[in-house]
Amino acid sequence: MNKTLKLTMTAMFVAIGTITSHLFSIPLGFTRVFPMQHFINVLSAVILGPAYAVLQAFSVSLLRNMIGTGSLFAFPGSMIGAFLAAYLYSKTKKASMAMTGEIIGTGILGAVACYPIATLILGQDVALFGFVPSFIFSSIAGSMFGFIIVGFVLKSSAFKTFQQRNF
């Protein structure tokens, strides 16, 4: 896939991720999870690869922070998840590994990476693994949805034709 096409698709994922990130939420016990970023991460991991997936995650996080619908915690979670999802997919070519990478990358590694931001930058008193439950539930919900959609995309004749022409 040429660079212009990858940048265009990345921009589309950024737009979709920015617009939908706060529109769709799932009530889960005492919290609400917002799974759209995880969904977009799995799609971009499979379709675009590691560099563009991380660029997409960073751009969505930046835009959401600029318009007031995100927090600083979006950066490590989404970027680590996008990278691990894309990396595992690139090594195995299995969509299930992209889903697993997003769940582990965002739900565990990204959540733990938020601890220094919360304590050092924001001055909040939080536990080291305090973000893991909400991050893991959100990443599971979004990644599963992304996994299902990726399955349809990879099997579609339109995407196969697109791959043949552009890869």
N, C-alpha and C. Protein backbone atom coordinates (compact mmCIF):
# COMPACT_ATOMS: atom_id res chain seq x y z
N MET A 1 0.85 -1.17 0.00
CA MET A 1 0.00 0.00 0.00
C MET A 1 0.90 1.23 0.00
N ASN A 2 0.62 2.18 -0.87
CA ASN A 2 1.49 3.35 -0.94
C ASN A 2 1.24 4.29 0.24
N LYS A 3 2.18 5.21 0.45
CA LYS A 3 2.13 6.09 1.62
C LYS A 3 0.91 7.01 1.62
N THR A 4 0.54 7.51 0.46
CA THR A 4 -0.61 8.40 0.38
C THR A 4 -1.88 7.68 0.81
N LEU A 5 -2.05 6.45 0.36
CA LEU A 5 -3.22 5.67 0.74
C LEU A 5 -3.21 5.36 2.23
N LYS A 6 -2.06 5.00 2.76
CA LYS A 6 -1.97 4.72 4.20
C LYS A 6 -2.27 5.97 5.03
N LEU A 7 -1.75 7.12 4.61
CA LEU A 7 -2.03 8.37 5.33
C LEU A 7 -3.51 8.72 5.25
N THR A 8 -4.12 8.50 4.10
CA THR A 8 -5.54 8.78 3.93
C THR A 8 -6.38 7.88 4.83
N MET A 9 -6.06 6.60 4.84
CA MET A 9 -6.79 5.67 5.70
C MET A 9 -6.56 5.99 7.18
N THR A 10 -5.34 6.37 7.52
CA THR A 10 -5.05 6.77 8.89
C THR A 10 -5.89 7.98 9.28
N ALA A 11 -5.98 8.95 8.39
CA ALA A 11 -6.80 10.14 8.65
C ALA A 11 -8.26 9.78 8.83
N MET A 12 -8.75 8.83 8.04
CA MET A 12 -10.14 8.39 8.21
C MET A 12 -10.35 7.73 9.56
N PHE A 13 -9.41 6.87 9.95
CA PHE A 13 -9.51 6.23 11.27
C PHE A 13 -9.44 7.27 12.39
N VAL A 14 -8.60 8.28 12.22
CA VAL A 14 -8.49 9.35 13.22
C VAL A 14 -9.83 10.09 13.34
N ALA A 15 -10.42 10.42 12.21
CA ALA A 15 -11.70 11.13 12.23
C ALA A 15 -12.79 10.28 12.89
N ILE A 16 -12.86 9.03 12.51
CA ILE A 16 -13.87 8.15 13.09
C ILE A 16 -13.63 7.98 14.59
N GLY A 17 -12.37 7.76 14.96
CA GLY A 17 -12.04 7.58 16.38
C GLY A 17 -12.32 8.81 17.21
N THR A 18 -12.02 9.98 16.67
CA THR A 18 -12.25 11.22 17.41
C THR A 18 -13.73 11.50 17.58
N ILE A 19 -14.50 11.30 16.53
CA ILE A 19 -15.93 11.60 16.58
C ILE A 19 -16.68 10.58 17.45
N THR A 20 -16.35 9.32 17.32
CA THR A 20 -17.15 8.28 18.00
C THR A 20 -16.65 7.93 19.39
N SER A 21 -15.48 8.40 19.77
CA SER A 21 -14.88 7.94 21.03
C SER A 21 -15.74 8.21 22.25
N HIS A 22 -16.46 9.30 22.26
CA HIS A 22 -17.29 9.61 23.43
C HIS A 22 -18.78 9.37 23.18
N LEU A 23 -19.15 8.97 21.97
CA LEU A 23 -20.56 8.75 21.66
C LEU A 23 -21.05 7.37 22.09
N PHE A 24 -20.19 6.38 22.01
CA PHE A 24 -20.58 5.01 22.34
C PHE A 24 -19.96 4.60 23.67
N SER A 25 -20.81 4.27 24.60
CA SER A 25 -20.30 3.79 25.89
C SER A 25 -21.16 2.62 26.34
N ILE A 26 -20.57 1.78 27.17
CA ILE A 26 -21.25 0.61 27.70
C ILE A 26 -21.23 0.71 29.22
N PRO A 27 -22.42 0.75 29.85
CA PRO A 27 -22.42 0.75 31.32
C PRO A 27 -21.96 -0.62 31.83
N LEU A 28 -21.00 -0.61 32.72
CA LEU A 28 -20.44 -1.86 33.23
C LEU A 28 -20.22 -1.70 34.73
N GLY A 29 -21.20 -2.16 35.49
CA GLY A 29 -21.11 -2.02 36.94
C GLY A 29 -21.13 -0.56 37.34
N PHE A 30 -20.13 -0.13 38.07
CA PHE A 30 -20.06 1.25 38.56
C PHE A 30 -19.38 2.20 37.58
N THR A 31 -19.02 1.70 36.42
CA THR A 31 -18.30 2.54 35.45
C THR A 31 -18.91 2.41 34.07
N ARG A 32 -18.47 3.24 33.18
CA ARG A 32 -18.84 3.16 31.77
C ARG A 32 -17.56 2.99 30.97
N VAL A 33 -17.59 2.10 30.00
CA VAL A 33 -16.41 1.91 29.17
C VAL A 33 -16.68 2.48 27.79
N PHE A 34 -15.64 3.03 27.19
CA PHE A 34 -15.72 3.66 25.88
C PHE A 34 -14.83 2.87 24.93
N PRO A 35 -15.41 1.90 24.19
CA PRO A 35 -14.60 0.93 23.44
C PRO A 35 -14.17 1.33 22.03
N MET A 36 -14.56 2.48 21.54
CA MET A 36 -14.30 2.78 20.13
C MET A 36 -12.81 2.89 19.79
N GLN A 37 -11.99 3.44 20.67
CA GLN A 37 -10.56 3.55 20.37
C GLN A 37 -9.94 2.16 20.20
N HIS A 38 -10.38 1.21 20.99
CA HIS A 38 -9.84 -0.15 20.89
C HIS A 38 -10.27 -0.79 19.58
N PHE A 39 -11.51 -0.54 19.20
CA PHE A 39 -12.03 -1.03 17.92
C PHE A 39 -11.18 -0.47 16.77
N ILE A 40 -10.96 0.84 16.78
CA ILE A 40 -10.16 1.50 15.73
C ILE A 40 -8.72 0.99 15.76
N ASN A 41 -8.16 0.76 16.95
CA ASN A 41 -6.79 0.25 17.05
C ASN A 41 -6.64 -1.10 16.39
N VAL A 42 -7.60 -2.00 16.61
CA VAL A 42 -7.52 -3.33 15.99
C VAL A 42 -7.62 -3.21 14.47
N LEU A 43 -8.55 -2.39 13.99
CA LEU A 43 -8.67 -2.21 12.53
C LEU A 43 -7.40 -1.63 11.93
N SER A 44 -6.87 -0.57 12.52
CA SER A 44 -5.67 0.04 11.95
C SER A 44 -4.46 -0.87 12.10
N ALA A 45 -4.41 -1.66 13.16
CA ALA A 45 -3.30 -2.61 13.33
C ALA A 45 -3.26 -3.60 12.18
N VAL A 46 -4.41 -4.13 11.83
CA VAL A 46 -4.48 -5.15 10.78
C VAL A 46 -4.31 -4.53 9.39
N ILE A 47 -4.94 -3.41 9.16
CA ILE A 47 -4.94 -2.84 7.81
C ILE A 47 -3.69 -2.01 7.52
N LEU A 48 -3.18 -1.27 8.53
CA LEU A 48 -2.12 -0.30 8.27
C LEU A 48 -0.74 -0.68 8.78
N GLY A 49 -0.66 -1.49 9.83
CA GLY A 49 0.64 -1.85 10.39
C GLY A 49 1.02 -0.99 11.59
N PRO A 50 2.14 -1.32 12.23
CA PRO A 50 2.52 -0.69 13.51
C PRO A 50 2.70 0.82 13.48
N ALA A 51 3.45 1.35 12.54
CA ALA A 51 3.75 2.78 12.55
C ALA A 51 2.49 3.62 12.38
N TYR A 52 1.66 3.26 11.42
CA TYR A 52 0.45 4.02 11.17
C TYR A 52 -0.60 3.78 12.26
N ALA A 53 -0.62 2.62 12.86
CA ALA A 53 -1.55 2.36 13.97
C ALA A 53 -1.20 3.25 15.16
N VAL A 54 0.09 3.36 15.47
CA VAL A 54 0.52 4.23 16.57
C VAL A 54 0.25 5.70 16.22
N LEU A 55 0.51 6.10 14.99
CA LEU A 55 0.21 7.46 14.55
C LEU A 55 -1.28 7.76 14.72
N GLN A 56 -2.12 6.82 14.35
CA GLN A 56 -3.57 6.98 14.50
C GLN A 56 -3.94 7.12 15.96
N ALA A 57 -3.40 6.27 16.82
CA ALA A 57 -3.73 6.31 18.25
C ALA A 57 -3.28 7.63 18.88
N PHE A 58 -2.08 8.07 18.53
CA PHE A 58 -1.58 9.35 19.05
C PHE A 58 -2.46 10.50 18.58
N SER A 59 -2.81 10.51 17.31
CA SER A 59 -3.61 11.60 16.74
C SER A 59 -5.00 11.67 17.38
N VAL A 60 -5.64 10.53 17.56
CA VAL A 60 -6.96 10.52 18.21
C VAL A 60 -6.84 11.03 19.65
N SER A 61 -5.83 10.57 20.37
CA SER A 61 -5.63 11.02 21.75
C SER A 61 -5.38 12.52 21.81
N LEU A 62 -4.56 13.01 20.90
CA LEU A 62 -4.26 14.44 20.87
C LEU A 62 -5.51 15.27 20.56
N LEU A 63 -6.24 14.87 19.54
CA LEU A 63 -7.45 15.60 19.18
C LEU A 63 -8.50 15.56 20.28
N ARG A 64 -8.67 14.40 20.90
CA ARG A 64 -9.64 14.29 21.99
C ARG A 64 -9.24 15.18 23.15
N ASN A 65 -7.97 15.28 23.44
CA ASN A 65 -7.53 16.17 24.51
C ASN A 65 -7.74 17.63 24.13
N MET A 66 -7.50 17.96 22.88
CA MET A 66 -7.66 19.34 22.43
C MET A 66 -9.12 19.79 22.47
N ILE A 67 -10.06 18.88 22.19
CA ILE A 67 -11.47 19.28 22.19
C ILE A 67 -12.15 18.99 23.54
N GLY A 68 -11.40 18.45 24.47
CA GLY A 68 -11.94 18.27 25.83
C GLY A 68 -12.70 16.99 26.08
N THR A 69 -12.58 15.99 25.21
CA THR A 69 -13.29 14.73 25.43
C THR A 69 -12.35 13.60 25.85
N GLY A 70 -11.09 13.90 26.03
CA GLY A 70 -10.12 12.87 26.42
C GLY A 70 -9.32 13.31 27.62
N SER A 71 -8.43 12.45 28.04
CA SER A 71 -7.54 12.76 29.15
C SER A 71 -6.12 12.36 28.78
N LEU A 72 -5.17 12.75 29.60
CA LEU A 72 -3.78 12.37 29.36
C LEU A 72 -3.59 10.86 29.38
N PHE A 73 -4.49 10.16 30.05
CA PHE A 73 -4.38 8.70 30.13
C PHE A 73 -4.62 8.02 28.78
N ALA A 74 -5.20 8.74 27.83
CA ALA A 74 -5.46 8.17 26.51
C ALA A 74 -4.17 7.89 25.75
N PHE A 75 -3.14 8.69 26.00
CA PHE A 75 -1.90 8.54 25.22
C PHE A 75 -1.21 7.19 25.45
N PRO A 76 -0.81 6.87 26.67
CA PRO A 76 -0.08 5.59 26.81
C PRO A 76 -0.95 4.39 26.49
N GLY A 77 -2.20 4.42 26.93
CA GLY A 77 -3.06 3.26 26.71
C GLY A 77 -3.27 2.96 25.25
N SER A 78 -3.71 3.97 24.50
CA SER A 78 -4.03 3.72 23.10
C SER A 78 -2.79 3.43 22.25
N MET A 79 -1.70 4.13 22.54
CA MET A 79 -0.50 3.95 21.71
C MET A 79 0.18 2.61 21.96
N ILE A 80 0.27 2.20 23.22
CA ILE A 80 0.87 0.89 23.51
C ILE A 80 -0.01 -0.21 22.95
N GLY A 81 -1.32 -0.07 23.12
CA GLY A 81 -2.24 -1.08 22.59
C GLY A 81 -2.18 -1.18 21.07
N ALA A 82 -2.16 -0.04 20.39
CA ALA A 82 -2.10 -0.05 18.93
C ALA A 82 -0.80 -0.69 18.44
N PHE A 83 0.30 -0.34 19.09
CA PHE A 83 1.59 -0.92 18.67
C PHE A 83 1.61 -2.43 18.87
N LEU A 84 1.21 -2.88 20.07
CA LEU A 84 1.27 -4.32 20.35
C LEU A 84 0.32 -5.09 19.46
N ALA A 85 -0.86 -4.54 19.19
CA ALA A 85 -1.82 -5.20 18.29
C ALA A 85 -1.23 -5.34 16.89
N ALA A 86 -0.67 -4.25 16.38
CA ALA A 86 -0.10 -4.29 15.03
C ALA A 86 1.13 -5.18 14.96
N TYR A 87 1.97 -5.12 15.98
CA TYR A 87 3.18 -5.93 15.99
C TYR A 87 2.83 -7.43 16.00
N LEU A 88 1.93 -7.81 16.90
CA LEU A 88 1.55 -9.23 16.97
C LEU A 88 0.86 -9.69 15.69
N TYR A 89 0.03 -8.82 15.10
CA TYR A 89 -0.60 -9.19 13.84
C TYR A 89 0.43 -9.34 12.73
N SER A 90 1.39 -8.42 12.67
CA SER A 90 2.40 -8.49 11.61
C SER A 90 3.26 -9.74 11.71
N LYS A 91 3.45 -10.24 12.92
CA LYS A 91 4.26 -11.45 13.11
C LYS A 91 3.48 -12.73 12.86
N THR A 92 2.16 -12.72 13.13
CA THR A 92 1.38 -13.96 13.04
C THR A 92 0.35 -13.97 11.91
N LYS A 93 -0.05 -12.80 11.44
CA LYS A 93 -1.13 -12.66 10.45
C LYS A 93 -2.45 -13.25 10.95
N LYS A 94 -2.66 -13.20 12.26
CA LYS A 94 -3.91 -13.68 12.87
C LYS A 94 -4.60 -12.50 13.55
N ALA A 95 -5.86 -12.27 13.16
CA ALA A 95 -6.62 -11.17 13.75
C ALA A 95 -6.79 -11.36 15.25
N SER A 96 -6.84 -12.60 15.69
CA SER A 96 -6.98 -12.86 17.13
C SER A 96 -5.77 -12.33 17.90
N MET A 97 -4.61 -12.31 17.27
CA MET A 97 -3.42 -11.78 17.94
C MET A 97 -3.46 -10.25 17.99
N ALA A 98 -4.09 -9.62 17.00
CA ALA A 98 -4.28 -8.16 17.07
C ALA A 98 -5.20 -7.83 18.24
N MET A 99 -6.26 -8.61 18.40
CA MET A 99 -7.17 -8.41 19.52
C MET A 99 -6.45 -8.62 20.84
N THR A 100 -5.68 -9.68 20.94
CA THR A 100 -4.93 -9.98 22.16
C THR A 100 -3.91 -8.88 22.46
N GLY A 101 -3.23 -8.42 21.44
CA GLY A 101 -2.25 -7.34 21.62
C GLY A 101 -2.89 -6.07 22.12
N GLU A 102 -4.07 -5.74 21.61
CA GLU A 102 -4.78 -4.55 22.07
C GLU A 102 -5.21 -4.70 23.53
N ILE A 103 -5.69 -5.86 23.89
CA ILE A 103 -6.15 -6.08 25.27
C ILE A 103 -4.97 -6.01 26.24
N ILE A 104 -3.89 -6.69 25.91
CA ILE A 104 -2.72 -6.67 26.80
C ILE A 104 -2.05 -5.30 26.77
N GLY A 105 -1.89 -4.74 25.57
CA GLY A 105 -1.21 -3.45 25.44
C GLY A 105 -1.93 -2.31 26.12
N THR A 106 -3.22 -2.21 25.92
CA THR A 106 -3.98 -1.13 26.56
C THR A 106 -4.45 -1.52 27.94
N GLY A 107 -5.05 -2.70 28.04
CA GLY A 107 -5.69 -3.10 29.29
C GLY A 107 -4.73 -3.30 30.45
N ILE A 108 -3.52 -3.73 30.16
CA ILE A 108 -2.56 -3.99 31.25
C ILE A 108 -1.38 -3.02 31.17
N LEU A 109 -0.62 -3.08 30.07
CA LEU A 109 0.58 -2.24 29.97
C LEU A 109 0.25 -0.75 29.95
N GLY A 110 -0.75 -0.38 29.16
CA GLY A 110 -1.15 1.03 29.09
C GLY A 110 -1.72 1.53 30.40
N ALA A 111 -2.48 0.68 31.08
CA ALA A 111 -3.05 1.07 32.38
C ALA A 111 -1.96 1.30 33.40
N VAL A 112 -0.97 0.42 33.42
CA VAL A 112 0.15 0.59 34.36
C VAL A 112 0.99 1.82 33.99
N ALA A 113 1.10 2.10 32.69
CA ALA A 113 1.86 3.28 32.25
C ALA A 113 1.17 4.58 32.65
N CYS A 114 -0.10 4.52 32.98
CA CYS A 114 -0.83 5.73 33.42
C CYS A 114 -0.50 6.10 34.86
N TYR A 115 0.05 5.17 35.62
CA TYR A 115 0.36 5.45 37.02
C TYR A 115 1.29 6.64 37.20
N PRO A 116 2.43 6.71 36.49
CA PRO A 116 3.29 7.88 36.66
C PRO A 116 2.62 9.19 36.22
N ILE A 117 1.78 9.12 35.21
CA ILE A 117 1.07 10.33 34.78
C ILE A 117 0.16 10.81 35.89
N ALA A 118 -0.57 9.87 36.49
CA ALA A 118 -1.51 10.23 37.55
C ALA A 118 -0.80 10.77 38.78
N THR A 119 0.29 10.13 39.17
CA THR A 119 0.96 10.54 40.42
C THR A 119 1.91 11.72 40.23
N LEU A 120 2.72 11.69 39.20
CA LEU A 120 3.74 12.72 39.03
C LEU A 120 3.22 13.98 38.34
N ILE A 121 2.42 13.82 37.32
CA ILE A 121 1.96 14.98 36.56
C ILE A 121 0.66 15.56 37.14
N LEU A 122 -0.31 14.69 37.42
CA LEU A 122 -1.61 15.16 37.89
C LEU A 122 -1.72 15.22 39.41
N GLY A 123 -0.76 14.64 40.11
CA GLY A 123 -0.76 14.69 41.57
C GLY A 123 -1.87 13.90 42.23
N GLN A 124 -2.39 12.89 41.56
CA GLN A 124 -3.46 12.07 42.12
C GLN A 124 -2.87 10.91 42.91
N ASP A 125 -3.58 10.50 43.94
CA ASP A 125 -3.16 9.36 44.75
C ASP A 125 -3.88 8.13 44.24
N VAL A 126 -3.18 7.30 43.45
CA VAL A 126 -3.79 6.12 42.86
C VAL A 126 -2.90 4.90 43.11
N ALA A 127 -3.52 3.74 43.02
CA ALA A 127 -2.77 2.49 43.15
C ALA A 127 -2.10 2.16 41.82
N LEU A 128 -1.01 1.43 41.87
CA LEU A 128 -0.26 1.08 40.66
C LEU A 128 -1.16 0.38 39.63
N PHE A 129 -1.99 -0.53 40.07
CA PHE A 129 -2.86 -1.27 39.16
C PHE A 129 -4.30 -0.73 39.19
N GLY A 130 -4.47 0.51 39.64
CA GLY A 130 -5.80 1.09 39.79
C GLY A 130 -6.55 1.30 38.48
N PHE A 131 -5.84 1.51 37.39
CA PHE A 131 -6.49 1.75 36.10
C PHE A 131 -6.80 0.45 35.35
N VAL A 132 -6.22 -0.66 35.77
CA VAL A 132 -6.33 -1.90 35.01
C VAL A 132 -7.78 -2.36 34.85
N PRO A 133 -8.62 -2.40 35.89
CA PRO A 133 -9.98 -2.91 35.67
C PRO A 133 -10.76 -2.16 34.58
N SER A 134 -10.79 -0.84 34.65
CA SER A 134 -11.56 -0.10 33.64
C SER A 134 -10.92 -0.19 32.26
N PHE A 135 -9.58 -0.13 32.20
CA PHE A 135 -8.90 -0.25 30.91
C PHE A 135 -9.12 -1.63 30.30
N ILE A 136 -9.08 -2.66 31.11
CA ILE A 136 -9.20 -4.03 30.57
C ILE A 136 -10.60 -4.29 30.07
N PHE A 137 -11.62 -3.83 30.80
CA PHE A 137 -13.00 -4.03 30.34
C PHE A 137 -13.26 -3.28 29.05
N SER A 138 -12.79 -2.07 28.97
CA SER A 138 -12.97 -1.27 27.77
C SER A 138 -12.24 -1.89 26.58
N SER A 139 -11.00 -2.33 26.81
CA SER A 139 -10.24 -2.90 25.69
C SER A 139 -10.79 -4.24 25.25
N ILE A 140 -11.33 -5.03 26.17
CA ILE A 140 -11.96 -6.30 25.77
C ILE A 140 -13.18 -6.04 24.90
N ALA A 141 -14.04 -5.11 25.34
CA ALA A 141 -15.25 -4.81 24.57
C ALA A 141 -14.91 -4.30 23.17
N GLY A 142 -14.05 -3.32 23.08
CA GLY A 142 -13.71 -2.75 21.78
C GLY A 142 -12.93 -3.69 20.89
N SER A 143 -12.01 -4.44 21.48
CA SER A 143 -11.19 -5.37 20.70
C SER A 143 -12.01 -6.52 20.13
N MET A 144 -12.96 -6.99 20.91
CA MET A 144 -13.83 -8.06 20.41
C MET A 144 -14.66 -7.57 19.22
N PHE A 145 -15.18 -6.37 19.34
CA PHE A 145 -15.93 -5.78 18.23
C PHE A 145 -15.02 -5.60 17.01
N GLY A 146 -13.81 -5.10 17.24
CA GLY A 146 -12.85 -4.94 16.15
C GLY A 146 -12.48 -6.26 15.51
N PHE A 147 -12.30 -7.29 16.33
CA PHE A 147 -11.97 -8.63 15.83
C PHE A 147 -13.08 -9.14 14.90
N ILE A 148 -14.33 -8.94 15.31
CA ILE A 148 -15.46 -9.40 14.50
C ILE A 148 -15.50 -8.65 13.16
N ILE A 149 -15.35 -7.33 13.21
CA ILE A 149 -15.39 -6.54 11.97
C ILE A 149 -14.19 -6.86 11.07
N VAL A 150 -13.01 -7.04 11.66
CA VAL A 150 -11.82 -7.40 10.87
C VAL A 150 -12.05 -8.73 10.16
N GLY A 151 -12.71 -9.67 10.82
CA GLY A 151 -13.02 -10.95 10.18
C GLY A 151 -13.84 -10.76 8.92
N PHE A 152 -14.84 -9.89 8.98
CA PHE A 152 -15.65 -9.61 7.79
C PHE A 152 -14.83 -8.87 6.73
N VAL A 153 -14.02 -7.92 7.15
CA VAL A 153 -13.23 -7.14 6.20
C VAL A 153 -12.24 -8.03 5.46
N LEU A 154 -11.53 -8.88 6.19
CA LEU A 154 -10.52 -9.73 5.56
C LEU A 154 -11.13 -10.75 4.60
N LYS A 155 -12.38 -11.13 4.84
CA LYS A 155 -13.04 -12.11 3.97
C LYS A 155 -13.75 -11.47 2.78
N SER A 156 -13.95 -10.17 2.81
CA SER A 156 -14.72 -9.52 1.75
C SER A 156 -13.95 -9.49 0.43
N SER A 157 -14.68 -9.67 -0.63
CA SER A 157 -14.04 -9.65 -1.95
C SER A 157 -13.55 -8.25 -2.28
N ALA A 158 -14.24 -7.23 -1.80
CA ALA A 158 -13.81 -5.85 -2.06
C ALA A 158 -12.44 -5.58 -1.43
N PHE A 159 -12.22 -6.05 -0.22
CA PHE A 159 -10.93 -5.84 0.43
C PHE A 159 -9.84 -6.66 -0.24
N LYS A 160 -10.17 -7.87 -0.68
CA LYS A 160 -9.17 -8.69 -1.38
C LYS A 160 -8.75 -8.02 -2.69
N THR A 161 -9.71 -7.44 -3.40
CA THR A 161 -9.38 -6.71 -4.62
C THR A 161 -8.54 -5.48 -4.30
N PHE A 162 -8.90 -4.79 -3.22
CA PHE A 162 -8.16 -3.62 -2.77
C PHE A 162 -6.70 -4.00 -2.45
N GLN A 163 -6.52 -5.13 -1.76
CA GLN A 163 -5.17 -5.59 -1.41
C GLN A 163 -4.36 -5.90 -2.65
N GLN A 164 -4.98 -6.57 -3.62
CA GLN A 164 -4.26 -6.95 -4.83
C GLN A 164 -3.79 -5.72 -5.60
N ARG A 165 -4.59 -4.67 -5.60
CA ARG A 165 -4.24 -3.47 -6.36
C ARG A 165 -3.25 -2.58 -5.64
N ASN A 166 -3.24 -2.62 -4.31
CA ASN A 166 -2.48 -1.62 -3.57
C ASN A 166 -1.32 -2.17 -2.73
N PHE A 167 -1.16 -3.45 -2.63
CA PHE A 167 -0.07 -3.97 -1.79
C PHE A 167 1.08 -4.43 -2.62
